[in-house]
Amino acid sequence: MMWRDTFNLLLSIGTLIFQIALILAVIIRIALPKGEISKFLSRNALKISFLIALAGMAMSLFYSEVVGYAPCELCWYQRIALYPLMPLFGFAWIFGEKGRAIRWTGIVLAGAGAIVSAYQYIATAWFPTSLTCAASQVSCAKLYFNTFGFITIPLMAFTAFIAVVFLLSIAE
């Protein structure tokens, strides 16, 4: 097994754990809106969103620059939605900004990224021939890996974007 395969497997396991944690967080928020976990998530939503955006940015750069997976056109659109989130949330964290403008900007960017990543994931799974990307030399239907039969790079991105949207929607 090459180091790339091991890395992809570990990141896929991490994504699966993150998805389970996200589902549990949503359930806890609905069932116990005044509970300690809900309060913690609300108070720290921008900080957690910053860490998610930082990890997403680092992973996208690692995949393209170190691993050698060339990004397709849809991947670039997702990066356009992702990359501004990290400094936006970083400045908010540093300067203590909890204003509505930052939350709404983050929700719009993460929501747009979630739509593009969901489209790419669904189209890759069911309509791969529909994904022709004229602006890129890489097909948007190209799967670099498909761990457990469903975890791909677009699903990883979708999970991160949805987590950010959820967190910002409950932020204090």
C-alpha atoms as a PDB file:
ATOM      1  CA  MET A   1       0.000   0.000   0.000  1.00  0.00           C
ATOM      2  CA  MET A   2       1.433   3.340  -1.021  1.00  0.00           C
ATOM      3  CA  TRP A   3       1.605   6.257   1.434  1.00  0.00           C
ATOM      4  CA  ARG A   4      -1.059   8.006  -0.674  1.00  0.00           C
ATOM      5  CA  ASP A   5      -3.495   5.139  -0.156  1.00  0.00           C
ATOM      6  CA  THR A   6      -2.811   5.124   3.584  1.00  0.00           C
ATOM      7  CA  PHE A   7      -3.331   8.889   3.777  1.00  0.00           C
ATOM      8  CA  ASN A   8      -6.590   8.648   1.812  1.00  0.00           C
ATOM      9  CA  LEU A   9      -7.811   5.851   4.087  1.00  0.00           C
ATOM     10  CA  LEU A  10      -6.980   7.795   7.259  1.00  0.00           C
ATOM     11  CA  LEU A  11      -8.611  10.954   5.941  1.00  0.00           C
ATOM     12  CA  SER A  12     -11.671   8.947   4.881  1.00  0.00           C
ATOM     13  CA  ILE A  13     -11.962   7.425   8.354  1.00  0.00           C
ATOM     14  CA  GLY A  14     -11.618  10.925   9.807  1.00  0.00           C
ATOM     15  CA  THR A  15     -14.363  12.147   7.470  1.00  0.00           C
ATOM     16  CA  LEU A  16     -16.650   9.322   8.541  1.00  0.00           C
ATOM     17  CA  ILE A  17     -16.043  10.110  12.228  1.00  0.00           C
ATOM     18  CA  PHE A  18     -16.629  13.809  11.511  1.00  0.00           C
ATOM     19  CA  GLN A  19     -19.924  13.000   9.740  1.00  0.00           C
ATOM     20  CA  ILE A  20     -21.097  10.942  12.719  1.00  0.00           C
ATOM     21  CA  ALA A  21     -20.094  13.747  15.108  1.00  0.00           C
ATOM     22  CA  LEU A  22     -21.950  16.281  12.958  1.00  0.00           C
ATOM     23  CA  ILE A  23     -25.119  14.169  12.937  1.00  0.00           C
ATOM     24  CA  LEU A  24     -24.872  13.757  16.717  1.00  0.00           C
ATOM     25  CA  ALA A  25     -24.345  17.511  17.147  1.00  0.00           C
ATOM     26  CA  VAL A  26     -27.469  18.257  15.103  1.00  0.00           C
ATOM     27  CA  ILE A  27     -29.491  15.722  17.113  1.00  0.00           C
ATOM     28  CA  ILE A  28     -28.196  17.106  20.411  1.00  0.00           C
ATOM     29  CA  ARG A  29     -28.930  20.675  19.298  1.00  0.00           C
ATOM     30  CA  ILE A  30     -32.509  19.723  18.413  1.00  0.00           C
ATOM     31  CA  ALA A  31     -33.144  17.501  21.459  1.00  0.00           C
ATOM     32  CA  LEU A  32     -31.276  19.570  24.054  1.00  0.00           C
ATOM     33  CA  PRO A  33     -31.036  23.170  22.804  1.00  0.00           C
ATOM     34  CA  LYS A  34     -30.135  24.444  26.282  1.00  0.00           C
ATOM     35  CA  GLY A  35     -27.725  21.617  27.114  1.00  0.00           C
ATOM     36  CA  GLU A  36     -24.006  22.057  27.723  1.00  0.00           C
ATOM     37  CA  ILE A  37     -22.949  20.663  24.341  1.00  0.00           C
ATOM     38  CA  SER A  38     -25.372  22.967  22.523  1.00  0.00           C
ATOM     39  CA  LYS A  39     -24.106  25.952  24.488  1.00  0.00           C
ATOM     40  CA  PHE A  40     -20.486  24.995  23.775  1.00  0.00           C
ATOM     41  CA  LEU A  41     -21.172  24.689  20.043  1.00  0.00           C
ATOM     42  CA  SER A  42     -23.028  28.011  19.960  1.00  0.00           C
ATOM     43  CA  ARG A  43     -20.322  29.873  21.886  1.00  0.00           C
ATOM     44  CA  ASN A  44     -17.481  28.403  19.830  1.00  0.00           C
ATOM     45  CA  ALA A  45     -19.107  28.182  16.390  1.00  0.00           C
ATOM     46  CA  LEU A  46     -16.760  30.688  14.742  1.00  0.00           C
ATOM     47  CA  LYS A  47     -13.671  29.063  16.241  1.00  0.00           C
ATOM     48  CA  ILE A  48     -14.729  25.575  15.179  1.00  0.00           C
ATOM     49  CA  SER A  49     -15.658  26.903  11.728  1.00  0.00           C
ATOM     50  CA  PHE A  50     -12.205  28.466  11.481  1.00  0.00           C
ATOM     51  CA  LEU A  51     -10.583  25.108  12.264  1.00  0.00           C
ATOM     52  CA  ILE A  52     -12.775  23.342   9.693  1.00  0.00           C
ATOM     53  CA  ALA A  53     -11.912  25.947   7.025  1.00  0.00           C
ATOM     54  CA  LEU A  54      -8.216  25.744   7.924  1.00  0.00           C
ATOM     55  CA  ALA A  55      -8.236  21.951   7.694  1.00  0.00           C
ATOM     56  CA  GLY A  56     -10.146  22.034   4.412  1.00  0.00           C
ATOM     57  CA  MET A  57      -7.751  24.555   2.919  1.00  0.00           C
ATOM     58  CA  ALA A  58      -4.713  22.612   4.109  1.00  0.00           C
ATOM     59  CA  MET A  59      -6.084  19.334   2.753  1.00  0.00           C
ATOM     60  CA  SER A  60      -6.990  20.801  -0.639  1.00  0.00           C
ATOM     61  CA  LEU A  61      -3.503  22.275  -0.978  1.00  0.00           C
ATOM     62  CA  PHE A  62      -1.893  19.059   0.263  1.00  0.00           C
ATOM     63  CA  TYR A  63      -3.847  16.973  -2.232  1.00  0.00           C
ATOM     64  CA  SER A  64      -2.977  19.204  -5.173  1.00  0.00           C
ATOM     65  CA  GLU A  65       0.590  20.238  -4.290  1.00  0.00           C
ATOM     66  CA  VAL A  66       1.992  17.210  -2.438  1.00  0.00           C
ATOM     67  CA  VAL A  67      -0.091  14.222  -3.472  1.00  0.00           C
ATOM     68  CA  GLY A  68      -0.396  15.472  -7.046  1.00  0.00           C
ATOM     69  CA  TYR A  69      -4.174  15.310  -7.517  1.00  0.00           C
ATOM     70  CA  ALA A  70      -4.922  18.042 -10.048  1.00  0.00           C
ATOM     71  CA  PRO A  71      -8.092  19.984  -9.166  1.00  0.00           C
ATOM     72  CA  CYS A  72     -10.895  20.083 -11.704  1.00  0.00           C
ATOM     73  CA  GLU A  73     -13.039  23.104 -12.523  1.00  0.00           C
ATOM     74  CA  LEU A  74     -15.665  22.279  -9.870  1.00  0.00           C
ATOM     75  CA  CYS A  75     -12.884  21.813  -7.308  1.00  0.00           C
ATOM     76  CA  TRP A  76     -11.723  25.347  -8.080  1.00  0.00           C
ATOM     77  CA  TYR A  77     -15.240  26.682  -7.477  1.00  0.00           C
ATOM     78  CA  GLN A  78     -15.282  24.892  -4.133  1.00  0.00           C
ATOM     79  CA  ARG A  79     -11.915  26.409  -3.268  1.00  0.00           C
ATOM     80  CA  ILE A  80     -13.260  29.851  -4.157  1.00  0.00           C
ATOM     81  CA  ALA A  81     -15.978  29.294  -1.552  1.00  0.00           C
ATOM     82  CA  LEU A  82     -13.629  27.717   1.020  1.00  0.00           C
ATOM     83  CA  TYR A  83     -10.482  29.815   1.022  1.00  0.00           C
ATOM     84  CA  PRO A  84     -12.031  33.134   2.157  1.00  0.00           C
ATOM     85  CA  LEU A  85     -13.646  31.399   5.137  1.00  0.00           C
ATOM     86  CA  MET A  86     -10.374  30.771   6.920  1.00  0.00           C
ATOM     87  CA  PRO A  87      -9.219  34.422   7.147  1.00  0.00           C
ATOM     88  CA  LEU A  88     -12.801  35.605   7.720  1.00  0.00           C
ATOM     89  CA  PHE A  89     -13.248  33.343  10.729  1.00  0.00           C
ATOM     90  CA  GLY A  90      -9.646  33.884  11.838  1.00  0.00           C
ATOM     91  CA  PHE A  91     -10.120  37.646  12.052  1.00  0.00           C
ATOM     92  CA  ALA A  92     -13.458  37.162  13.772  1.00  0.00           C
ATOM     93  CA  TRP A  93     -11.804  34.876  16.315  1.00  0.00           C
ATOM     94  CA  ILE A  94      -8.866  37.233  16.935  1.00  0.00           C
ATOM     95  CA  PHE A  95     -10.929  40.400  17.180  1.00  0.00           C
ATOM     96  CA  GLY A  96     -13.895  38.837  18.935  1.00  0.00           C
ATOM     97  CA  GLU A  97     -16.348  39.671  16.145  1.00  0.00           C
ATOM     98  CA  LYS A  98     -19.626  37.853  16.535  1.00  0.00           C
ATOM     99  CA  GLY A  99     -21.663  40.042  14.210  1.00  0.00           C
ATOM    100  CA  ARG A 100     -24.339  38.893  11.853  1.00  0.00           C
ATOM    101  CA  ALA A 101     -22.371  40.018   8.791  1.00  0.00           C
ATOM    102  CA  ILE A 102     -19.619  37.480   9.377  1.00  0.00           C
ATOM    103  CA  ARG A 103     -22.096  34.698   9.999  1.00  0.00           C
ATOM    104  CA  TRP A 104     -24.142  35.491   6.909  1.00  0.00           C
ATOM    105  CA  THR A 105     -21.066  35.856   4.716  1.00  0.00           C
ATOM    106  CA  GLY A 106     -19.837  32.488   5.983  1.00  0.00           C
ATOM    107  CA  ILE A 107     -23.225  30.844   5.477  1.00  0.00           C
ATOM    108  CA  VAL A 108     -23.456  32.154   1.905  1.00  0.00           C
ATOM    109  CA  LEU A 109     -19.921  31.030   0.991  1.00  0.00           C
ATOM    110  CA  ALA A 110     -20.231  27.645   2.709  1.00  0.00           C
ATOM    111  CA  GLY A 111     -23.714  27.153   1.267  1.00  0.00           C
ATOM    112  CA  ALA A 112     -22.438  27.854  -2.252  1.00  0.00           C
ATOM    113  CA  GLY A 113     -19.553  25.429  -1.693  1.00  0.00           C
ATOM    114  CA  ALA A 114     -21.968  22.789  -0.386  1.00  0.00           C
ATOM    115  CA  ILE A 115     -24.155  23.125  -3.483  1.00  0.00           C
ATOM    116  CA  VAL A 116     -21.185  22.722  -5.849  1.00  0.00           C
ATOM    117  CA  SER A 117     -19.716  19.796  -3.916  1.00  0.00           C
ATOM    118  CA  ALA A 118     -23.120  18.069  -3.665  1.00  0.00           C
ATOM    119  CA  TYR A 119     -23.614  18.540  -7.401  1.00  0.00           C
ATOM    120  CA  GLN A 120     -20.178  17.084  -8.133  1.00  0.00           C
ATOM    121  CA  TYR A 121     -20.708  14.161  -5.759  1.00  0.00           C
ATOM    122  CA  ILE A 122     -24.133  13.269  -7.163  1.00  0.00           C
ATOM    123  CA  ALA A 123     -23.105  13.774 -10.775  1.00  0.00           C
ATOM    124  CA  THR A 124     -19.944  11.709 -10.297  1.00  0.00           C
ATOM    125  CA  ALA A 125     -21.915   8.877  -8.710  1.00  0.00           C
ATOM    126  CA  TRP A 126     -24.861   8.754 -11.118  1.00  0.00           C
ATOM    127  CA  PHE A 127     -24.089  10.851 -14.205  1.00  0.00           C
ATOM    128  CA  PRO A 128     -20.297  10.867 -14.711  1.00  0.00           C
ATOM    129  CA  THR A 129     -20.500  11.567 -18.432  1.00  0.00           C
ATOM    130  CA  SER A 130     -22.349  14.827 -17.707  1.00  0.00           C
ATOM    131  CA  LEU A 131     -19.282  16.314 -16.019  1.00  0.00           C
ATOM    132  CA  THR A 132     -17.211  17.735 -18.815  1.00  0.00           C
ATOM    133  CA  CYS A 133     -15.057  20.619 -17.714  1.00  0.00           C
ATOM    134  CA  ALA A 134     -13.843  22.686 -20.636  1.00  0.00           C
ATOM    135  CA  ALA A 135     -11.760  25.086 -18.559  1.00  0.00           C
ATOM    136  CA  SER A 136      -9.728  22.356 -16.880  1.00  0.00           C
ATOM    137  CA  GLN A 137      -7.612  19.554 -18.257  1.00  0.00           C
ATOM    138  CA  VAL A 138      -8.941  17.329 -15.479  1.00  0.00           C
ATOM    139  CA  SER A 139     -12.397  15.792 -15.733  1.00  0.00           C
ATOM    140  CA  CYS A 140     -14.737  16.704 -12.911  1.00  0.00           C
ATOM    141  CA  ALA A 141     -15.862  13.056 -12.934  1.00  0.00           C
ATOM    142  CA  LYS A 142     -12.362  11.787 -12.094  1.00  0.00           C
ATOM    143  CA  LEU A 143     -12.318   9.934  -8.789  1.00  0.00           C
ATOM    144  CA  TYR A 144      -8.902   9.840  -7.202  1.00  0.00           C
ATOM    145  CA  PHE A 145     -10.291   7.482  -4.563  1.00  0.00           C
ATOM    146  CA  ASN A 146     -13.624   6.129  -3.371  1.00  0.00           C
ATOM    147  CA  THR A 147     -13.165   4.773   0.137  1.00  0.00           C
ATOM    148  CA  PHE A 148     -15.853   2.520   1.614  1.00  0.00           C
ATOM    149  CA  GLY A 149     -17.725   2.932  -1.672  1.00  0.00           C
ATOM    150  CA  PHE A 150     -18.910   6.461  -0.927  1.00  0.00           C
ATOM    151  CA  ILE A 151     -16.221   8.745   0.538  1.00  0.00           C
ATOM    152  CA  THR A 152     -14.671  10.902  -2.164  1.00  0.00           C
ATOM    153  CA  ILE A 153     -13.070  14.335  -2.186  1.00  0.00           C
ATOM    154  CA  PRO A 154     -16.363  16.059  -3.117  1.00  0.00           C
ATOM    155  CA  LEU A 155     -18.099  14.321  -0.174  1.00  0.00           C
ATOM    156  CA  MET A 156     -15.323  15.463   2.170  1.00  0.00           C
ATOM    157  CA  ALA A 157     -15.817  19.028   0.963  1.00  0.00           C
ATOM    158  CA  PHE A 158     -19.600  18.749   1.293  1.00  0.00           C
ATOM    159  CA  THR A 159     -19.252  17.526   4.880  1.00  0.00           C
ATOM    160  CA  ALA A 160     -17.017  20.469   5.802  1.00  0.00           C
ATOM    161  CA  PHE A 161     -19.304  23.025   4.146  1.00  0.00           C
ATOM    162  CA  ILE A 162     -22.437  21.627   5.801  1.00  0.00           C
ATOM    163  CA  ALA A 163     -20.707  21.611   9.196  1.00  0.00           C
ATOM    164  CA  VAL A 164     -19.829  25.291   8.773  1.00  0.00           C
ATOM    165  CA  VAL A 165     -23.395  26.163   7.731  1.00  0.00           C
ATOM    166  CA  PHE A 166     -24.760  24.287  10.764  1.00  0.00           C
ATOM    167  CA  LEU A 167     -22.326  25.918  13.183  1.00  0.00           C
ATOM    168  CA  LEU A 168     -22.906  29.428  11.864  1.00  0.00           C
ATOM    169  CA  SER A 169     -26.673  28.939  12.006  1.00  0.00           C
ATOM    170  CA  ILE A 170     -26.464  28.233  15.764  1.00  0.00           C
ATOM    171  CA  ALA A 171     -23.698  30.736  16.598  1.00  0.00           C
ATOM    172  CA  GLU A 172     -24.318  33.153  19.446  1.00  0.00           C
END
